[in-house]
Every structure is written in structure tokens, then in C-alpha cells.
């Protein structure tokens, strides 16, 4: 998870760094250089992406989004619900964990080992 998180930040920060270098190149026609890519990369990650990620994490937590490493849990409903086709639902499956998209991919291709890989 840590390796993927680093790659997510670095890919977005590199896009910001290229944009900053391009903007500086257009703005300063008489400058000898357009700046240091690594400086733009670190500044973009620390001053833009990291605060945004904390802010978005607070928004997601306030809305009740779950992120843990537990398997799916089944919760019993307080009131039974009748479906359109006449069936009665008394339990709900709550998705847990952080690799839901990978698992969903495995389910969609009818091979859950693909999703776990």
C-alpha cells in the first residue's frame, strides 16, 4: 500500500512540476533556465497534494467511508425489507478493506485470483 501511495503522489506531482516548468518557460522569455524539476516536484507534493489529501480524508471520514484491512461483514437489518420480486431481505453485506476495485475486477472476470494478484 505504501508503494502505491508513493507512486500516486509522485505521478500527480510530476504533472504539476511539468506544468510549472512550462508556465515559467512561457512567462520568463529571457531567463536562462526554467527551474529545477525536483524542486517543483517536492513543492507540489508537500504544499498542494498532501494538504489536499488530508482535507479529502477528513471529508471521507465525515461521510462514514470505511478503510481497513478486514473482510466483508454482514449486518442484520433492524427492519426487514421486501424487494420488488417479493423476496425479503434481513441482512446487508458491508464492504470493508481498501482493495475493493481489484476484488471487483476479479469478480467481473469470474476469476477472483486475478483480482487478488
N, C-alpha and C. Protein backbone atom coordinates (compact mmCIF):
# COMPACT_ATOMS: atom_id res chain seq x y z
N UNK A 1 0.82 -1.19 0.00
CA UNK A 1 0.00 0.00 0.00
C UNK A 1 0.86 1.25 0.00
N UNK A 2 1.95 1.21 0.74
CA UNK A 2 2.81 2.39 0.81
C UNK A 2 3.46 2.67 -0.54
N UNK A 3 3.87 1.62 -1.24
CA UNK A 3 4.49 1.81 -2.54
C UNK A 3 3.50 2.40 -3.54
N UNK A 4 2.26 1.94 -3.52
CA UNK A 4 1.26 2.50 -4.43
C UNK A 4 0.93 3.94 -4.07
N UNK A 5 0.90 4.26 -2.79
CA UNK A 5 0.62 5.63 -2.37
C UNK A 5 1.71 6.57 -2.84
N UNK A 6 2.96 6.15 -2.71
CA UNK A 6 4.07 6.98 -3.18
C UNK A 6 3.95 7.21 -4.69
N UNK A 7 3.65 6.17 -5.44
CA UNK A 7 3.51 6.32 -6.88
C UNK A 7 2.36 7.24 -7.26
N UNK A 8 1.26 7.17 -6.52
CA UNK A 8 0.13 8.06 -6.79
C UNK A 8 0.52 9.52 -6.56
N UNK A 9 1.25 9.80 -5.49
CA UNK A 9 1.68 11.16 -5.23
C UNK A 9 2.71 11.63 -6.25
N UNK A 10 3.68 10.79 -6.56
CA UNK A 10 4.75 11.20 -7.48
C UNK A 10 4.21 11.44 -8.89
N UNK A 11 3.26 10.63 -9.33
CA UNK A 11 2.73 10.83 -10.68
C UNK A 11 1.98 12.15 -10.78
N UNK A 12 1.17 12.47 -9.78
CA UNK A 12 0.46 13.75 -9.79
C UNK A 12 1.42 14.92 -9.62
N UNK A 13 2.40 14.77 -8.75
CA UNK A 13 3.37 15.84 -8.53
C UNK A 13 4.23 16.08 -9.76
N UNK A 14 4.55 15.03 -10.50
CA UNK A 14 5.34 15.23 -11.72
C UNK A 14 4.54 15.99 -12.77
N UNK A 15 3.24 15.76 -12.85
CA UNK A 15 2.40 16.54 -13.75
C UNK A 15 2.37 18.00 -13.35
N UNK A 16 2.28 18.27 -12.04
CA UNK A 16 2.34 19.65 -11.57
C UNK A 16 3.68 20.29 -11.86
N UNK A 17 4.76 19.52 -11.71
CA UNK A 17 6.10 20.06 -11.96
C UNK A 17 6.29 20.41 -13.43
N UNK A 18 5.79 19.57 -14.31
CA UNK A 18 5.90 19.87 -15.75
C UNK A 18 5.07 21.10 -16.08
N UNK A 19 3.88 21.22 -15.50
CA UNK A 19 3.06 22.39 -15.74
C UNK A 19 3.73 23.66 -15.23
N UNK A 20 4.37 23.60 -14.05
CA UNK A 20 5.06 24.76 -13.51
C UNK A 20 6.25 25.16 -14.38
N UNK A 21 7.00 24.17 -14.86
CA UNK A 21 8.13 24.47 -15.73
C UNK A 21 7.66 25.07 -17.05
N UNK A 22 6.58 24.56 -17.59
CA UNK A 22 6.04 25.10 -18.84
C UNK A 22 5.55 26.53 -18.65
N UNK A 23 4.84 26.77 -17.55
CA UNK A 23 4.35 28.13 -17.28
C UNK A 23 5.51 29.09 -17.07
N UNK A 24 6.53 28.65 -16.36
CA UNK A 24 7.69 29.52 -16.13
C UNK A 24 8.44 29.78 -17.43
N UNK A 25 8.49 28.78 -18.30
CA UNK A 25 9.14 28.97 -19.60
C UNK A 25 8.42 29.99 -20.46
N UNK A 26 7.08 29.99 -20.42
CA UNK A 26 6.31 30.98 -21.17
C UNK A 26 6.41 32.37 -20.55
N UNK A 27 6.42 32.43 -19.22
CA UNK A 27 6.42 33.72 -18.54
C UNK A 27 7.77 34.42 -18.58
N UNK A 28 8.85 33.68 -18.49
CA UNK A 28 10.20 34.27 -18.44
C UNK A 28 10.94 33.95 -19.72
N UNK A 29 10.75 34.78 -20.72
CA UNK A 29 11.40 34.52 -22.01
C UNK A 29 12.90 34.77 -21.98
N UNK A 30 13.36 35.65 -21.09
CA UNK A 30 14.78 35.96 -21.07
C UNK A 30 15.56 35.20 -20.00
N UNK A 31 14.92 34.30 -19.26
CA UNK A 31 15.61 33.54 -18.22
C UNK A 31 16.50 32.48 -18.85
N UNK A 32 17.55 32.12 -18.15
CA UNK A 32 18.49 31.11 -18.66
C UNK A 32 17.98 29.69 -18.46
N UNK A 33 17.12 29.47 -17.45
CA UNK A 33 16.60 28.13 -17.20
C UNK A 33 15.13 28.24 -16.79
N UNK A 34 14.48 27.11 -16.78
CA UNK A 34 13.07 27.10 -16.38
C UNK A 34 12.90 26.58 -14.96
N UNK A 35 13.97 26.38 -14.24
CA UNK A 35 13.92 25.94 -12.86
C UNK A 35 14.32 24.48 -12.71
N UNK A 36 14.20 23.99 -11.49
CA UNK A 36 14.61 22.64 -11.15
C UNK A 36 13.38 21.76 -11.03
N UNK A 37 13.34 20.69 -11.80
CA UNK A 37 12.19 19.78 -11.79
C UNK A 37 11.96 19.19 -10.41
N UNK A 38 13.01 18.81 -9.72
CA UNK A 38 12.87 18.16 -8.42
C UNK A 38 12.32 19.13 -7.38
N UNK A 39 12.68 20.40 -7.50
CA UNK A 39 12.13 21.41 -6.59
C UNK A 39 10.63 21.53 -6.80
N UNK A 40 10.21 21.61 -8.06
CA UNK A 40 8.78 21.68 -8.36
C UNK A 40 8.05 20.42 -7.91
N UNK A 41 8.68 19.27 -8.07
CA UNK A 41 8.07 18.00 -7.68
C UNK A 41 7.82 17.95 -6.17
N UNK A 42 8.83 18.30 -5.39
CA UNK A 42 8.70 18.26 -3.94
C UNK A 42 7.71 19.32 -3.45
N UNK A 43 7.78 20.52 -4.01
CA UNK A 43 6.84 21.57 -3.59
C UNK A 43 5.41 21.20 -3.94
N UNK A 44 5.19 20.62 -5.11
CA UNK A 44 3.85 20.21 -5.49
C UNK A 44 3.29 19.14 -4.58
N UNK A 45 4.15 18.18 -4.21
CA UNK A 45 3.70 17.09 -3.33
C UNK A 45 3.44 17.60 -1.91
N UNK A 46 4.36 18.43 -1.39
CA UNK A 46 4.24 18.86 0.00
C UNK A 46 3.22 19.98 0.21
N UNK A 47 3.16 20.93 -0.71
CA UNK A 47 2.33 22.12 -0.49
C UNK A 47 0.96 22.05 -1.14
N UNK A 48 0.76 21.15 -2.10
CA UNK A 48 -0.54 21.06 -2.77
C UNK A 48 -1.19 19.71 -2.50
N UNK A 49 -0.51 18.61 -2.86
CA UNK A 49 -1.14 17.30 -2.79
C UNK A 49 -1.35 16.78 -1.37
N UNK A 50 -0.37 16.97 -0.51
CA UNK A 50 -0.51 16.47 0.86
C UNK A 50 -1.63 17.17 1.63
N UNK A 51 -1.72 18.52 1.60
CA UNK A 51 -2.86 19.15 2.27
C UNK A 51 -4.20 18.75 1.66
N UNK A 52 -4.26 18.61 0.32
CA UNK A 52 -5.50 18.18 -0.31
C UNK A 52 -5.89 16.78 0.12
N UNK A 53 -4.91 15.90 0.27
CA UNK A 53 -5.22 14.53 0.68
C UNK A 53 -5.74 14.49 2.11
N UNK A 54 -5.17 15.31 3.00
CA UNK A 54 -5.69 15.37 4.37
C UNK A 54 -7.11 15.92 4.39
N UNK A 55 -7.36 16.96 3.61
CA UNK A 55 -8.70 17.55 3.55
C UNK A 55 -9.72 16.55 3.01
N UNK A 56 -9.37 15.87 1.93
CA UNK A 56 -10.28 14.88 1.36
C UNK A 56 -10.48 13.69 2.29
N UNK A 57 -9.44 13.31 3.03
CA UNK A 57 -9.59 12.22 4.00
C UNK A 57 -10.57 12.61 5.10
N UNK A 58 -10.52 13.85 5.55
CA UNK A 58 -11.48 14.30 6.56
C UNK A 58 -12.90 14.31 6.01
N UNK A 59 -13.06 14.71 4.76
CA UNK A 59 -14.38 14.69 4.13
C UNK A 59 -14.91 13.26 4.06
N UNK A 60 -14.06 12.32 3.62
CA UNK A 60 -14.49 10.94 3.50
C UNK A 60 -14.81 10.32 4.86
N UNK A 61 -14.01 10.61 5.85
CA UNK A 61 -14.27 10.09 7.20
C UNK A 61 -15.57 10.67 7.75
N UNK A 62 -15.83 11.95 7.50
CA UNK A 62 -17.06 12.55 7.99
C UNK A 62 -18.30 11.94 7.34
N UNK A 63 -18.14 11.36 6.14
CA UNK A 63 -19.26 10.73 5.46
C UNK A 63 -19.38 9.24 5.77
N UNK A 64 -18.47 8.71 6.56
CA UNK A 64 -18.58 7.32 7.00
C UNK A 64 -17.92 6.30 6.09
N UNK A 65 -17.02 6.73 5.23
CA UNK A 65 -16.33 5.80 4.34
C UNK A 65 -15.35 4.97 5.17
N UNK A 66 -15.38 3.66 4.97
CA UNK A 66 -14.57 2.75 5.76
C UNK A 66 -13.29 2.39 4.99
N UNK A 67 -12.17 2.37 5.69
CA UNK A 67 -10.93 1.85 5.11
C UNK A 67 -10.20 1.09 6.20
N UNK A 68 -10.19 -0.22 6.06
CA UNK A 68 -9.48 -1.08 6.98
C UNK A 68 -9.05 -2.33 6.23
N UNK A 69 -8.47 -3.27 6.91
CA UNK A 69 -7.99 -4.48 6.26
C UNK A 69 -8.84 -5.70 6.62
N UNK A 70 -10.08 -5.49 6.99
CA UNK A 70 -10.96 -6.59 7.40
C UNK A 70 -11.76 -7.11 6.21
N UNK A 71 -12.22 -8.36 6.28
CA UNK A 71 -13.08 -8.88 5.21
C UNK A 71 -14.49 -8.31 5.31
N UNK A 72 -15.33 -8.63 4.33
CA UNK A 72 -16.72 -8.14 4.32
C UNK A 72 -17.42 -8.58 5.60
N UNK A 73 -18.34 -7.74 6.08
CA UNK A 73 -19.11 -8.07 7.28
C UNK A 73 -20.59 -8.06 6.93
N UNK A 74 -21.32 -8.89 7.60
CA UNK A 74 -22.76 -8.97 7.41
C UNK A 74 -23.45 -8.31 8.60
N UNK A 75 -24.37 -7.40 8.32
CA UNK A 75 -25.11 -6.71 9.37
C UNK A 75 -26.59 -7.08 9.26
N UNK A 76 -27.21 -7.34 10.39
CA UNK A 76 -28.64 -7.65 10.42
C UNK A 76 -29.42 -6.33 10.41
N UNK A 77 -30.39 -6.23 9.54
CA UNK A 77 -31.21 -5.03 9.43
C UNK A 77 -32.20 -4.96 10.58
N UNK A 78 -32.53 -3.75 11.02
CA UNK A 78 -33.50 -3.58 12.09
C UNK A 78 -34.90 -3.92 11.61
N UNK A 79 -35.20 -3.55 10.37
CA UNK A 79 -36.49 -3.87 9.78
C UNK A 79 -36.26 -4.65 8.50
N UNK A 80 -37.03 -5.69 8.30
CA UNK A 80 -36.93 -6.46 7.06
C UNK A 80 -37.48 -5.64 5.90
N UNK A 81 -36.87 -5.82 4.73
CA UNK A 81 -37.27 -5.06 3.55
C UNK A 81 -37.74 -6.04 2.49
N UNK A 82 -38.85 -5.72 1.85
CA UNK A 82 -39.35 -6.57 0.78
C UNK A 82 -38.86 -6.01 -0.55
N UNK A 83 -38.27 -6.89 -1.38
CA UNK A 83 -37.76 -6.46 -2.67
C UNK A 83 -38.88 -6.42 -3.69
N UNK A 84 -38.57 -5.93 -4.88
CA UNK A 84 -39.57 -5.80 -5.94
C UNK A 84 -40.13 -7.16 -6.35
N UNK A 85 -39.27 -8.17 -6.36
CA UNK A 85 -39.72 -9.50 -6.78
C UNK A 85 -40.37 -10.31 -5.65
N UNK A 86 -40.59 -9.69 -4.49
CA UNK A 86 -41.29 -10.36 -3.41
C UNK A 86 -40.40 -10.99 -2.35
N UNK A 87 -39.09 -10.98 -2.55
CA UNK A 87 -38.18 -11.56 -1.57
C UNK A 87 -38.03 -10.65 -0.36
N UNK A 88 -37.61 -11.24 0.74
CA UNK A 88 -37.43 -10.46 1.97
C UNK A 88 -35.95 -10.43 2.30
N UNK A 89 -35.44 -9.22 2.56
CA UNK A 89 -34.03 -9.02 2.89
C UNK A 89 -33.94 -8.67 4.36
N UNK A 90 -33.13 -9.42 5.10
CA UNK A 90 -32.97 -9.14 6.53
C UNK A 90 -31.51 -8.88 6.90
N UNK A 91 -30.59 -9.04 5.93
CA UNK A 91 -29.17 -8.80 6.19
C UNK A 91 -28.58 -7.96 5.06
N UNK A 92 -27.51 -7.24 5.41
CA UNK A 92 -26.81 -6.41 4.43
C UNK A 92 -25.32 -6.71 4.52
N UNK A 93 -24.67 -6.83 3.37
CA UNK A 93 -23.23 -7.06 3.32
C UNK A 93 -22.52 -5.71 3.22
N UNK A 94 -21.61 -5.46 4.16
CA UNK A 94 -20.87 -4.20 4.19
C UNK A 94 -19.45 -4.43 3.67
N UNK A 95 -19.06 -3.75 2.61
CA UNK A 95 -17.70 -3.93 2.09
C UNK A 95 -16.68 -3.27 2.99
N UNK A 96 -15.62 -3.98 3.26
CA UNK A 96 -14.52 -3.46 4.06
C UNK A 96 -13.25 -3.51 3.21
N UNK A 97 -12.16 -3.09 3.79
CA UNK A 97 -10.88 -3.20 3.10
C UNK A 97 -10.63 -2.07 2.14
N UNK A 98 -9.42 -2.04 1.61
CA UNK A 98 -9.04 -0.96 0.71
C UNK A 98 -8.81 -1.44 -0.71
N UNK A 99 -8.88 -2.74 -1.00
CA UNK A 99 -8.61 -3.25 -2.36
C UNK A 99 -9.89 -3.68 -3.05
N UNK A 100 -10.95 -2.90 -2.89
CA UNK A 100 -12.26 -3.27 -3.41
C UNK A 100 -12.28 -3.31 -4.94
N UNK A 101 -11.62 -2.35 -5.61
CA UNK A 101 -11.64 -2.33 -7.08
C UNK A 101 -10.94 -3.56 -7.66
N UNK A 102 -9.85 -3.95 -7.06
CA UNK A 102 -9.14 -5.14 -7.55
C UNK A 102 -10.01 -6.38 -7.38
N UNK A 103 -10.66 -6.50 -6.24
CA UNK A 103 -11.52 -7.65 -6.00
C UNK A 103 -12.72 -7.63 -6.95
N UNK A 104 -13.27 -6.45 -7.18
CA UNK A 104 -14.40 -6.33 -8.11
C UNK A 104 -13.99 -6.74 -9.51
N UNK A 105 -12.78 -6.37 -9.92
CA UNK A 105 -12.29 -6.81 -11.23
C UNK A 105 -12.25 -8.32 -11.30
N UNK A 106 -11.74 -8.96 -10.26
CA UNK A 106 -11.68 -10.42 -10.24
C UNK A 106 -13.06 -11.05 -10.32
N UNK A 107 -14.03 -10.47 -9.62
CA UNK A 107 -15.40 -10.98 -9.70
C UNK A 107 -16.00 -10.79 -11.08
N UNK A 108 -15.70 -9.66 -11.73
CA UNK A 108 -16.28 -9.37 -13.04
C UNK A 108 -15.75 -10.31 -14.12
N UNK A 109 -14.49 -10.73 -14.00
CA UNK A 109 -13.93 -11.65 -14.99
C UNK A 109 -14.05 -13.10 -14.55
N UNK A 110 -14.82 -13.33 -13.48
CA UNK A 110 -15.06 -14.67 -12.94
C UNK A 110 -13.78 -15.41 -12.54
N UNK A 111 -12.82 -14.67 -12.02
CA UNK A 111 -11.58 -15.27 -11.55
C UNK A 111 -11.05 -14.38 -10.43
N UNK A 112 -11.43 -14.67 -9.18
CA UNK A 112 -11.04 -13.80 -8.07
C UNK A 112 -9.53 -13.80 -7.83
N UNK A 113 -8.84 -14.86 -8.29
CA UNK A 113 -7.38 -14.86 -8.13
C UNK A 113 -6.74 -13.75 -8.95
N UNK A 114 -7.35 -13.38 -10.08
CA UNK A 114 -6.84 -12.25 -10.88
C UNK A 114 -6.93 -10.96 -10.06
N UNK A 115 -8.03 -10.78 -9.36
CA UNK A 115 -8.21 -9.57 -8.56
C UNK A 115 -7.23 -9.50 -7.41
N UNK A 116 -7.00 -10.63 -6.74
CA UNK A 116 -6.07 -10.62 -5.62
C UNK A 116 -4.64 -10.42 -6.09
N UNK A 117 -4.32 -10.91 -7.28
CA UNK A 117 -2.95 -10.73 -7.80
C UNK A 117 -2.71 -9.28 -8.11
